[in-house]
Every structure is written in structure tokens, then in C-alpha cells.
Amino acid sequence: VHEVLTEDQIYRIDHFLGKETVQNILAFRFANGMFEPIWNRDHIDHVQ
């Protein structure tokens, strides 16, 4: 692929990343001060 295209021309799609809820993970974490401080191994037992 790189014989023909530069990296900025290449769009490897993962439609899961286009889902609103997946993107909202970032908004939920970083726009709300009540959640980011507990977003770590000290407060979370595991993630599924």
C-alpha cells in the first residue's frame, strides 16, 4: 500500500470507532471531573 500511497491517504476503517457511544467514552471521561479521578486500577476491579 505504501508503494502507492502516503500514510495520510490511507484510511483503515473500524466501524466500531464511529459509534457515538464509543466516542462518548472520551467525552464521559475527560469532560466530567467526577469520573476521571477514579478511572484507574485503584478504584476499578476490572473492565469488560
All heavy atoms as atom14 arrays in JSON, in Angstrom:
{
  "sequence": "VHEVLTEDQIYRIDHFLGKETVQNILAFRFANGMFEPIWNRDHIDHVQ",
  "atom14_mask": [
    [1, 1, 1, 1, 1, 1, 1, 0, 0, 0, 0, 0, 0, 0],
    [1, 1, 1, 1, 1, 1, 1, 1, 1, 1, 0, 0, 0, 0],
    [1, 1, 1, 1, 1, 1, 1, 1, 1, 0, 0, 0, 0, 0],
    [1, 1, 1, 1, 1, 1, 1, 0, 0, 0, 0, 0, 0, 0],
    [1, 1, 1, 1, 1, 1, 1, 1, 0, 0, 0, 0, 0, 0],
    [1, 1, 1, 1, 1, 1, 1, 0, 0, 0, 0, 0, 0, 0],
    [1, 1, 1, 1, 1, 1, 1, 1, 1, 0, 0, 0, 0, 0],
    [1, 1, 1, 1, 1, 1, 1, 1, 0, 0, 0, 0, 0, 0],
    [1, 1, 1, 1, 1, 1, 1, 1, 1, 0, 0, 0, 0, 0],
    [1, 1, 1, 1, 1, 1, 1, 1, 0, 0, 0, 0, 0, 0],
    [1, 1, 1, 1, 1, 1, 1, 1, 1, 1, 1, 1, 0, 0],
    [1, 1, 1, 1, 1, 1, 1, 1, 1, 1, 1, 0, 0, 0],
    [1, 1, 1, 1, 1, 1, 1, 1, 0, 0, 0, 0, 0, 0],
    [1, 1, 1, 1, 1, 1, 1, 1, 0, 0, 0, 0, 0, 0],
    [1, 1, 1, 1, 1, 1, 1, 1, 1, 1, 0, 0, 0, 0],
    [1, 1, 1, 1, 1, 1, 1, 1, 1, 1, 1, 0, 0, 0],
    [1, 1, 1, 1, 1, 1, 1, 1, 0, 0, 0, 0, 0, 0],
    [1, 1, 1, 1, 0, 0, 0, 0, 0, 0, 0, 0, 0, 0],
    [1, 1, 1, 1, 1, 1, 1, 1, 1, 0, 0, 0, 0, 0],
    [1, 1, 1, 1, 1, 1, 1, 1, 1, 0, 0, 0, 0, 0],
    [1, 1, 1, 1, 1, 1, 1, 0, 0, 0, 0, 0, 0, 0],
    [1, 1, 1, 1, 1, 1, 1, 0, 0, 0, 0, 0, 0, 0],
    [1, 1, 1, 1, 1, 1, 1, 1, 1, 0, 0, 0, 0, 0],
    [1, 1, 1, 1, 1, 1, 1, 1, 0, 0, 0, 0, 0, 0],
    [1, 1, 1, 1, 1, 1, 1, 1, 0, 0, 0, 0, 0, 0],
    [1, 1, 1, 1, 1, 1, 1, 1, 0, 0, 0, 0, 0, 0],
    [1, 1, 1, 1, 1, 0, 0, 0, 0, 0, 0, 0, 0, 0],
    [1, 1, 1, 1, 1, 1, 1, 1, 1, 1, 1, 0, 0, 0],
    [1, 1, 1, 1, 1, 1, 1, 1, 1, 1, 1, 0, 0, 0],
    [1, 1, 1, 1, 1, 1, 1, 1, 1, 1, 1, 0, 0, 0],
    [1, 1, 1, 1, 1, 0, 0, 0, 0, 0, 0, 0, 0, 0],
    [1, 1, 1, 1, 1, 1, 1, 1, 0, 0, 0, 0, 0, 0],
    [1, 1, 1, 1, 0, 0, 0, 0, 0, 0, 0, 0, 0, 0],
    [1, 1, 1, 1, 1, 1, 1, 1, 0, 0, 0, 0, 0, 0],
    [1, 1, 1, 1, 1, 1, 1, 1, 1, 1, 1, 0, 0, 0],
    [1, 1, 1, 1, 1, 1, 1, 1, 1, 0, 0, 0, 0, 0],
    [1, 1, 1, 1, 1, 1, 1, 0, 0, 0, 0, 0, 0, 0],
    [1, 1, 1, 1, 1, 1, 1, 1, 0, 0, 0, 0, 0, 0],
    [1, 1, 1, 1, 1, 1, 1, 1, 1, 1, 1, 1, 1, 1],
    [1, 1, 1, 1, 1, 1, 1, 1, 0, 0, 0, 0, 0, 0],
    [1, 1, 1, 1, 1, 1, 1, 1, 1, 1, 1, 0, 0, 0],
    [1, 1, 1, 1, 1, 1, 1, 1, 0, 0, 0, 0, 0, 0],
    [1, 1, 1, 1, 1, 1, 1, 1, 1, 1, 0, 0, 0, 0],
    [1, 1, 1, 1, 1, 1, 1, 1, 0, 0, 0, 0, 0, 0],
    [1, 1, 1, 1, 1, 1, 1, 1, 0, 0, 0, 0, 0, 0],
    [1, 1, 1, 1, 1, 1, 1, 1, 1, 1, 0, 0, 0, 0],
    [1, 1, 1, 1, 1, 1, 1, 0, 0, 0, 0, 0, 0, 0],
    [1, 1, 1, 1, 1, 1, 1, 1, 1, 0, 0, 0, 0, 0]
  ],
  "atom14_positions": [
    [[0.83, -1.21, 0.0], [0.0, 0.0, 0.0], [0.87, 1.26, 0.0], [0.57, 2.24, -0.7], [-0.96, -0.03, 1.21], [-1.62, 1.32, 1.42], [-2.03, -1.11, 1.01], [0.0, 0.0, 0.0], [0.0, 0.0, 0.0], [0.0, 0.0, 0.0], [0.0, 0.0, 0.0], [0.0, 0.0, 0.0], [0.0, 0.0, 0.0], [0.0, 0.0, 0.0]],
    [[1.96, 1.22, 0.76], [2.82, 2.4, 0.83], [3.68, 2.59, -0.42], [4.31, 3.64, -0.57], [3.72, 2.32, 2.08], [3.02, 2.77, 3.32], [2.52, 1.88, 4.25], [2.71, 4.0, 3.79], [1.96, 2.55, 5.24], [2.05, 3.84, 4.98], [0.0, 0.0, 0.0], [0.0, 0.0, 0.0], [0.0, 0.0, 0.0], [0.0, 0.0, 0.0]],
    [[3.7, 1.62, -1.32], [4.33, 1.85, -2.61], [3.55, 2.87, -3.44], [4.12, 3.55, -4.3], [4.41, 0.54, -3.41], [5.4, -0.48, -2.88], [5.37, -1.76, -3.7], [4.94, -1.7, -4.88], [5.77, -2.82, -3.18], [0.0, 0.0, 0.0], [0.0, 0.0, 0.0], [0.0, 0.0, 0.0], [0.0, 0.0, 0.0], [0.0, 0.0, 0.0]],
    [[2.25, 2.99, -3.15], [1.37, 3.84, -3.94], [0.91, 5.07, -3.17], [0.81, 6.17, -3.72], [0.15, 3.03, -4.43], [-0.84, 3.91, -5.21], [0.59, 1.84, -5.26], [0.0, 0.0, 0.0], [0.0, 0.0, 0.0], [0.0, 0.0, 0.0], [0.0, 0.0, 0.0], [0.0, 0.0, 0.0], [0.0, 0.0, 0.0], [0.0, 0.0, 0.0]],
    [[0.64, 4.89, -1.89], [0.0, 5.93, -1.07], [0.88, 6.33, 0.1], [1.63, 5.51, 0.63], [-1.35, 5.42, -0.53], [-2.35, 4.9, -1.56], [-3.49, 4.2, -0.85], [-2.89, 6.05, -2.42], [0.0, 0.0, 0.0], [0.0, 0.0, 0.0], [0.0, 0.0, 0.0], [0.0, 0.0, 0.0], [0.0, 0.0, 0.0], [0.0, 0.0, 0.0]],
    [[0.76, 7.57, 0.52], [1.36, 8.0, 1.77], [0.41, 7.65, 2.92], [-0.79, 7.42, 2.71], [1.62, 9.51, 1.76], [0.39, 10.21, 1.55], [2.6, 9.87, 0.65], [0.0, 0.0, 0.0], [0.0, 0.0, 0.0], [0.0, 0.0, 0.0], [0.0, 0.0, 0.0], [0.0, 0.0, 0.0], [0.0, 0.0, 0.0], [0.0, 0.0, 0.0]],
    [[0.94, 7.61, 4.13], [0.12, 7.19, 5.27], [-1.11, 8.07, 5.45], [-2.18, 7.59, 5.82], [0.96, 7.19, 6.55], [0.21, 6.8, 7.81], [-0.28, 5.36, 7.82], [0.23, 4.54, 7.04], [-1.21, 5.07, 8.61], [0.0, 0.0, 0.0], [0.0, 0.0, 0.0], [0.0, 0.0, 0.0], [0.0, 0.0, 0.0], [0.0, 0.0, 0.0]],
    [[-1.0, 9.36, 5.15], [-2.16, 10.23, 5.35], [-3.24, 10.04, 4.29], [-4.33, 10.62, 4.39], [-1.74, 11.7, 5.43], [-1.1, 12.21, 4.14], [-0.89, 11.4, 3.22], [-0.8, 13.41, 4.07], [0.0, 0.0, 0.0], [0.0, 0.0, 0.0], [0.0, 0.0, 0.0], [0.0, 0.0, 0.0], [0.0, 0.0, 0.0], [0.0, 0.0, 0.0]],
    [[-2.97, 9.21, 3.28], [-4.0, 8.87, 2.29], [-4.72, 7.57, 2.63], [-5.69, 7.22, 1.97], [-3.37, 8.71, 0.9], [-2.8, 9.98, 0.29], [-2.18, 9.7, -1.07], [-1.1, 9.1, -1.17], [-2.86, 10.1, -2.13], [0.0, 0.0, 0.0], [0.0, 0.0, 0.0], [0.0, 0.0, 0.0], [0.0, 0.0, 0.0], [0.0, 0.0, 0.0]],
    [[-4.27, 6.88, 3.66], [-4.75, 5.53, 3.98], [-5.73, 5.6, 5.14], [-5.4, 6.11, 6.23], [-3.57, 4.61, 4.32], [-2.58, 4.55, 3.15], [-4.06, 3.21, 4.69], [-1.24, 3.91, 3.49], [0.0, 0.0, 0.0], [0.0, 0.0, 0.0], [0.0, 0.0, 0.0], [0.0, 0.0, 0.0], [0.0, 0.0, 0.0], [0.0, 0.0, 0.0]],
    [[-6.93, 5.07, 4.95], [-8.0, 5.1, 5.96], [-8.43, 3.66, 6.25], [-9.23, 3.09, 5.53], [-9.17, 5.94, 5.46], [-8.87, 7.43, 5.42], [-7.99, 7.95, 4.48], [-9.44, 8.29, 6.35], [-7.68, 9.29, 4.45], [-9.14, 9.65, 6.32], [-8.26, 10.14, 5.37], [-7.96, 11.48, 5.36], [0.0, 0.0, 0.0], [0.0, 0.0, 0.0]],
    [[-7.83, 3.08, 7.28], [-8.17, 1.71, 7.69], [-9.37, 1.81, 8.63], [-9.25, 2.29, 9.75], [-6.98, 1.04, 8.38], [-5.7, 1.02, 7.54], [-4.54, 0.5, 8.36], [-3.27, 0.7, 7.67], [-2.54, 1.81, 7.73], [-2.98, 2.84, 8.47], [-1.4, 1.91, 7.08], [0.0, 0.0, 0.0], [0.0, 0.0, 0.0], [0.0, 0.0, 0.0]],
    [[-10.51, 1.33, 8.17], [-11.76, 1.6, 8.88], [-12.03, 0.55, 9.96], [-11.74, -0.63, 9.79], [-12.95, 1.67, 7.89], [-14.15, 2.36, 8.53], [-13.32, 0.3, 7.34], [-15.24, 2.71, 7.51], [0.0, 0.0, 0.0], [0.0, 0.0, 0.0], [0.0, 0.0, 0.0], [0.0, 0.0, 0.0], [0.0, 0.0, 0.0], [0.0, 0.0, 0.0]],
    [[-12.52, 1.02, 11.08], [-13.1, 0.16, 12.11], [-14.41, 0.82, 12.51], [-14.43, 1.83, 13.21], [-12.16, 0.05, 13.31], [-12.75, -0.82, 14.42], [-13.92, -1.24, 14.3], [-12.05, -1.08, 15.42], [0.0, 0.0, 0.0], [0.0, 0.0, 0.0], [0.0, 0.0, 0.0], [0.0, 0.0, 0.0], [0.0, 0.0, 0.0], [0.0, 0.0, 0.0]],
    [[-15.53, 0.26, 12.02], [-16.8, 0.96, 12.21], [-17.19, 1.09, 13.67], [-18.01, 1.93, 14.02], [-17.92, 0.28, 11.4], [-18.35, -1.05, 11.92], [-17.75, -2.23, 11.55], [-19.33, -1.38, 12.79], [-18.35, -3.23, 12.15], [-19.31, -2.76, 12.92], [0.0, 0.0, 0.0], [0.0, 0.0, 0.0], [0.0, 0.0, 0.0], [0.0, 0.0, 0.0]],
    [[-16.6, 0.26, 14.57], [-16.9, 0.43, 15.99], [-16.49, 1.82, 16.47], [-17.13, 2.39, 17.35], [-16.18, -0.65, 16.82], [-17.02, -1.86, 17.1], [-17.65, -2.53, 16.06], [-17.17, -2.34, 18.38], [-18.42, -3.64, 16.3], [-17.94, -3.45, 18.63], [-18.57, -4.11, 17.6], [0.0, 0.0, 0.0], [0.0, 0.0, 0.0], [0.0, 0.0, 0.0]],
    [[-15.4, 2.36, 15.92], [-14.92, 3.66, 16.37], [-15.82, 4.79, 15.88], [-15.7, 5.92, 16.36], [-13.49, 3.88, 15.9], [-12.46, 2.87, 16.41], [-11.06, 3.29, 16.0], [-12.55, 2.69, 17.92], [0.0, 0.0, 0.0], [0.0, 0.0, 0.0], [0.0, 0.0, 0.0], [0.0, 0.0, 0.0], [0.0, 0.0, 0.0], [0.0, 0.0, 0.0]],
    [[-16.73, 4.51, 14.95], [-17.68, 5.51, 14.51], [-18.94, 5.55, 15.35], [-19.77, 6.44, 15.16], [0.0, 0.0, 0.0], [0.0, 0.0, 0.0], [0.0, 0.0, 0.0], [0.0, 0.0, 0.0], [0.0, 0.0, 0.0], [0.0, 0.0, 0.0], [0.0, 0.0, 0.0], [0.0, 0.0, 0.0], [0.0, 0.0, 0.0], [0.0, 0.0, 0.0]],
    [[-19.09, 4.61, 16.26], [-20.29, 4.57, 17.1], [-20.27, 5.73, 18.1], [-19.25, 6.02, 18.72], [-20.38, 3.24, 17.85], [-20.69, 2.06, 16.94], [-20.74, 0.77, 17.75], [-21.12, -0.4, 16.87], [-22.52, -0.32, 16.41], [0.0, 0.0, 0.0], [0.0, 0.0, 0.0], [0.0, 0.0, 0.0], [0.0, 0.0, 0.0], [0.0, 0.0, 0.0]],
    [[-21.4, 6.38, 18.27], [-21.49, 7.5, 19.19], [-21.07, 7.1, 20.61], [-20.37, 7.85, 21.29], [-22.92, 8.05, 19.22], [-23.32, 8.83, 17.99], [-22.75, 10.24, 17.98], [-22.14, 10.65, 18.99], [-22.89, 10.91, 16.95], [0.0, 0.0, 0.0], [0.0, 0.0, 0.0], [0.0, 0.0, 0.0], [0.0, 0.0, 0.0], [0.0, 0.0, 0.0]],
    [[-21.47, 5.92, 21.05], [-21.18, 5.53, 22.42], [-19.7, 5.29, 22.64], [-19.16, 5.58, 23.71], [-21.99, 4.28, 22.81], [-23.34, 4.46, 22.42], [-21.94, 4.04, 24.3], [0.0, 0.0, 0.0], [0.0, 0.0, 0.0], [0.0, 0.0, 0.0], [0.0, 0.0, 0.0], [0.0, 0.0, 0.0], [0.0, 0.0, 0.0], [0.0, 0.0, 0.0]],
    [[-19.01, 4.75, 21.62], [-17.57, 4.57, 21.77], [-16.89, 5.92, 21.88], [-16.01, 6.13, 22.74], [-17.02, 3.76, 20.59], [-15.5, 3.68, 20.64], [-17.61, 2.35, 20.58], [0.0, 0.0, 0.0], [0.0, 0.0, 0.0], [0.0, 0.0, 0.0], [0.0, 0.0, 0.0], [0.0, 0.0, 0.0], [0.0, 0.0, 0.0], [0.0, 0.0, 0.0]],
    [[-17.28, 6.87, 21.04], [-16.7, 8.21, 21.15], [-17.09, 8.88, 22.47], [-16.32, 9.66, 23.03], [-17.16, 9.05, 19.98], [-16.69, 8.52, 18.63], [-17.42, 9.17, 17.49], [-17.32, 10.38, 17.29], [-18.18, 8.38, 16.75], [0.0, 0.0, 0.0], [0.0, 0.0, 0.0], [0.0, 0.0, 0.0], [0.0, 0.0, 0.0], [0.0, 0.0, 0.0]],
    [[-18.27, 8.56, 22.97], [-18.72, 9.17, 24.21], [-17.91, 8.7, 25.4], [-17.94, 9.31, 26.47], [-20.21, 8.88, 24.44], [-20.84, 9.9, 25.37], [-20.59, 11.1, 25.26], [-21.65, 9.44, 26.3], [0.0, 0.0, 0.0], [0.0, 0.0, 0.0], [0.0, 0.0, 0.0], [0.0, 0.0, 0.0], [0.0, 0.0, 0.0], [0.0, 0.0, 0.0]],
    [[-17.17, 7.58, 25.25], [-16.25, 7.17, 26.3], [-15.28, 8.3, 26.61], [-15.01, 8.62, 27.78], [-15.46, 5.91, 25.88], [-16.41, 4.69, 25.79], [-14.32, 5.62, 26.85], [-15.77, 3.48, 25.14], [0.0, 0.0, 0.0], [0.0, 0.0, 0.0], [0.0, 0.0, 0.0], [0.0, 0.0, 0.0], [0.0, 0.0, 0.0], [0.0, 0.0, 0.0]],
    [[-14.77, 8.95, 25.57], [-13.83, 10.04, 25.76], [-14.5, 11.24, 26.41], [-13.96, 11.84, 27.34], [-13.22, 10.43, 24.42], [-12.5, 9.33, 23.65], [-11.93, 9.88, 22.35], [-11.4, 8.71, 24.48], [0.0, 0.0, 0.0], [0.0, 0.0, 0.0], [0.0, 0.0, 0.0], [0.0, 0.0, 0.0], [0.0, 0.0, 0.0], [0.0, 0.0, 0.0]],
    [[-15.7, 11.61, 25.91], [-16.41, 12.74, 26.5], [-16.76, 12.47, 27.96], [-16.62, 13.34, 28.83], [-17.67, 13.03, 25.69], [0.0, 0.0, 0.0], [0.0, 0.0, 0.0], [0.0, 0.0, 0.0], [0.0, 0.0, 0.0], [0.0, 0.0, 0.0], [0.0, 0.0, 0.0], [0.0, 0.0, 0.0], [0.0, 0.0, 0.0], [0.0, 0.0, 0.0]],
    [[-17.21, 11.26, 28.23], [-17.62, 10.88, 29.59], [-16.45, 11.0, 30.55], [-16.58, 11.52, 31.66], [-18.15, 9.45, 29.55], [-18.78, 8.99, 30.84], [-20.08, 9.36, 31.14], [-18.09, 8.19, 31.73], [-20.67, 8.94, 32.32], [-18.67, 7.77, 32.9], [-19.97, 8.14, 33.19], [0.0, 0.0, 0.0], [0.0, 0.0, 0.0], [0.0, 0.0, 0.0]],
    [[-15.28, 10.51, 30.13], [-14.09, 10.55, 30.98], [-13.55, 11.96, 31.16], [-13.34, 12.41, 32.28], [-12.98, 9.69, 30.37], [-13.08, 8.24, 30.55], [-11.83, 7.56, 30.0], [-10.61, 7.95, 30.72], [-9.39, 7.57, 30.4], [-9.22, 6.79, 29.35], [-8.35, 7.96, 31.09], [0.0, 0.0, 0.0], [0.0, 0.0, 0.0], [0.0, 0.0, 0.0]],
    [[-13.31, 12.64, 30.04], [-12.49, 13.84, 30.09], [-13.28, 15.14, 30.23], [-12.68, 16.19, 30.47], [-11.6, 13.9, 28.85], [-10.69, 12.71, 28.71], [-10.63, 12.0, 27.52], [-9.91, 12.28, 29.77], [-9.79, 10.89, 27.39], [-9.08, 11.17, 29.65], [-9.02, 10.48, 28.46], [0.0, 0.0, 0.0], [0.0, 0.0, 0.0], [0.0, 0.0, 0.0]],
    [[-14.61, 15.08, 30.09], [-15.41, 16.29, 30.25], [-16.11, 16.34, 31.6], [-16.78, 17.32, 31.9], [-16.45, 16.39, 29.13], [0.0, 0.0, 0.0], [0.0, 0.0, 0.0], [0.0, 0.0, 0.0], [0.0, 0.0, 0.0], [0.0, 0.0, 0.0], [0.0, 0.0, 0.0], [0.0, 0.0, 0.0], [0.0, 0.0, 0.0], [0.0, 0.0, 0.0]],
    [[-15.95, 15.3, 32.42], [-16.65, 15.22, 33.7], [-15.65, 14.93, 34.82], [-15.1, 13.83, 34.9], [-17.72, 14.13, 33.66], [-18.8, 14.42, 32.63], [-19.6, 15.32, 32.79], [-18.8, 13.67, 31.54], [0.0, 0.0, 0.0], [0.0, 0.0, 0.0], [0.0, 0.0, 0.0], [0.0, 0.0, 0.0], [0.0, 0.0, 0.0], [0.0, 0.0, 0.0]],
    [[-15.45, 15.93, 35.66], [-14.45, 15.81, 36.71], [-14.74, 14.74, 37.74], [-13.85, 14.32, 38.48], [0.0, 0.0, 0.0], [0.0, 0.0, 0.0], [0.0, 0.0, 0.0], [0.0, 0.0, 0.0], [0.0, 0.0, 0.0], [0.0, 0.0, 0.0], [0.0, 0.0, 0.0], [0.0, 0.0, 0.0], [0.0, 0.0, 0.0], [0.0, 0.0, 0.0]],
    [[-15.97, 14.24, 37.8], [-16.3, 13.22, 38.8], [-15.83, 11.83, 38.41], [-15.75, 10.94, 39.25], [-17.82, 13.19, 39.04], [-18.63, 12.66, 37.89], [-20.42, 12.72, 38.18], [-20.73, 14.45, 37.77], [0.0, 0.0, 0.0], [0.0, 0.0, 0.0], [0.0, 0.0, 0.0], [0.0, 0.0, 0.0], [0.0, 0.0, 0.0], [0.0, 0.0, 0.0]],
    [[-15.5, 11.61, 37.12], [-15.16, 10.26, 36.67], [-13.66, 10.04, 36.45], [-13.13, 8.99, 36.8], [-15.93, 9.93, 35.39], [-17.41, 9.91, 35.58], [-18.21, 10.85, 34.96], [-18.01, 8.96, 36.41], [-19.59, 10.84, 35.14], [-19.38, 8.96, 36.6], [-20.17, 9.9, 35.97], [0.0, 0.0, 0.0], [0.0, 0.0, 0.0], [0.0, 0.0, 0.0]],
    [[-12.98, 10.99, 35.84], [-11.57, 10.77, 35.52], [-10.72, 10.42, 36.75], [-9.84, 9.55, 36.67], [-11.0, 11.99, 34.8], [-9.5, 11.92, 34.51], [-9.1, 10.68, 33.73], [-9.93, 10.14, 32.98], [-7.94, 10.25, 33.87], [0.0, 0.0, 0.0], [0.0, 0.0, 0.0], [0.0, 0.0, 0.0], [0.0, 0.0, 0.0], [0.0, 0.0, 0.0]],
    [[-10.93, 11.02, 37.92], [-10.09, 10.67, 39.08], [-10.21, 9.21, 39.52], [-9.29, 8.69, 40.17], [-10.58, 11.62, 40.18], [-11.17, 12.78, 39.44], [-11.79, 12.18, 38.22], [0.0, 0.0, 0.0], [0.0, 0.0, 0.0], [0.0, 0.0, 0.0], [0.0, 0.0, 0.0], [0.0, 0.0, 0.0], [0.0, 0.0, 0.0], [0.0, 0.0, 0.0]],
    [[-11.32, 8.55, 39.2], [-11.49, 7.16, 39.63], [-11.28, 6.18, 38.47], [-11.51, 4.98, 38.62], [-12.88, 6.93, 40.26], [-14.0, 7.23, 39.24], [-13.05, 7.79, 41.5], [-15.38, 6.84, 39.74], [0.0, 0.0, 0.0], [0.0, 0.0, 0.0], [0.0, 0.0, 0.0], [0.0, 0.0, 0.0], [0.0, 0.0, 0.0], [0.0, 0.0, 0.0]],
    [[-10.81, 6.67, 37.32], [-10.65, 5.85, 36.13], [-9.28, 5.18, 36.15], [-8.42, 5.45, 35.33], [-10.81, 6.73, 34.89], [-11.3, 6.02, 33.65], [-10.54, 5.37, 32.74], [-12.65, 5.93, 33.18], [-11.33, 4.87, 31.72], [-12.62, 5.21, 31.97], [-13.87, 6.4, 33.66], [-13.78, 4.94, 31.23], [-15.01, 6.13, 32.94], [-14.97, 5.41, 31.74]],
    [[-9.08, 4.25, 37.09], [-7.78, 3.6, 37.24], [-7.93, 2.35, 38.08], [-9.01, 2.06, 38.62], [-6.76, 4.56, 37.85], [-7.24, 5.13, 39.18], [-7.47, 4.39, 40.14], [-7.4, 6.44, 39.25], [0.0, 0.0, 0.0], [0.0, 0.0, 0.0], [0.0, 0.0, 0.0], [0.0, 0.0, 0.0], [0.0, 0.0, 0.0], [0.0, 0.0, 0.0]],
    [[-6.84, 1.62, 38.22], [-6.84, 0.32, 38.92], [-7.11, 0.45, 40.41], [-7.5, -0.52, 41.05], [-5.49, -0.37, 38.71], [-4.3, 0.39, 39.28], [-3.0, -0.3, 38.91], [-1.84, 0.46, 39.37], [-1.3, 0.34, 40.57], [-1.82, -0.5, 41.45], [-0.24, 1.06, 40.91], [0.0, 0.0, 0.0], [0.0, 0.0, 0.0], [0.0, 0.0, 0.0]],
    [[-6.92, 1.64, 40.98], [-7.19, 1.81, 42.41], [-8.67, 1.74, 42.72], [-9.06, 1.37, 43.83], [-6.62, 3.15, 42.89], [-5.11, 3.19, 42.85], [-4.49, 2.11, 42.97], [-4.54, 4.29, 42.68], [0.0, 0.0, 0.0], [0.0, 0.0, 0.0], [0.0, 0.0, 0.0], [0.0, 0.0, 0.0], [0.0, 0.0, 0.0], [0.0, 0.0, 0.0]],
    [[-9.5, 2.1, 41.77], [-10.94, 2.16, 42.0], [-11.73, 1.17, 41.15], [-12.88, 0.87, 41.48], [-11.46, 3.58, 41.72], [-10.83, 4.63, 42.58], [-11.25, 4.87, 43.87], [-9.8, 5.47, 42.35], [-10.52, 5.84, 44.4], [-9.62, 6.23, 43.49], [0.0, 0.0, 0.0], [0.0, 0.0, 0.0], [0.0, 0.0, 0.0], [0.0, 0.0, 0.0]],
    [[-11.15, 0.67, 40.08], [-11.84, -0.27, 39.19], [-11.24, -1.66, 39.38], [-10.03, -1.83, 39.32], [-11.73, 0.18, 37.72], [-12.39, 1.55, 37.55], [-12.38, -0.84, 36.79], [-12.19, 2.15, 36.16], [0.0, 0.0, 0.0], [0.0, 0.0, 0.0], [0.0, 0.0, 0.0], [0.0, 0.0, 0.0], [0.0, 0.0, 0.0], [0.0, 0.0, 0.0]],
    [[-12.11, -2.64, 39.59], [-11.67, -4.02, 39.78], [-11.32, -4.68, 38.45], [-10.34, -5.4, 38.33], [-12.78, -4.82, 40.48], [-12.41, -6.28, 40.63], [-11.63, -6.6, 41.54], [-12.9, -7.1, 39.82], [0.0, 0.0, 0.0], [0.0, 0.0, 0.0], [0.0, 0.0, 0.0], [0.0, 0.0, 0.0], [0.0, 0.0, 0.0], [0.0, 0.0, 0.0]],
    [[-12.15, -4.45, 37.45], [-11.89, -4.99, 36.11], [-12.81, -4.29, 35.12], [-13.76, -3.61, 35.5], [-12.11, -6.51, 36.05], [-13.53, -6.94, 36.2], [-14.18, -7.01, 37.41], [-14.46, -7.32, 35.27], [-15.43, -7.42, 37.24], [-15.62, -7.6, 35.94], [0.0, 0.0, 0.0], [0.0, 0.0, 0.0], [0.0, 0.0, 0.0], [0.0, 0.0, 0.0]],
    [[-12.5, -4.46, 33.83], [-13.3, -3.9, 32.75], [-13.71, -5.04, 31.83], [-12.91, -5.94, 31.53], [-12.51, -2.85, 31.94], [-13.3, -2.38, 30.72], [-12.16, -1.65, 32.82], [0.0, 0.0, 0.0], [0.0, 0.0, 0.0], [0.0, 0.0, 0.0], [0.0, 0.0, 0.0], [0.0, 0.0, 0.0], [0.0, 0.0, 0.0], [0.0, 0.0, 0.0]],
    [[-14.97, -5.02, 31.4], [-15.46, -6.0, 30.43], [-15.88, -5.28, 29.15], [-16.53, -4.24, 29.19], [-16.67, -6.76, 30.98], [-16.37, -7.6, 32.19], [-17.61, -8.34, 32.69], [-18.53, -8.64, 31.91], [-17.65, -8.64, 33.97], [0.0, 0.0, 0.0], [0.0, 0.0, 0.0], [0.0, 0.0, 0.0], [0.0, 0.0, 0.0], [0.0, 0.0, 0.0]]
  ]
}
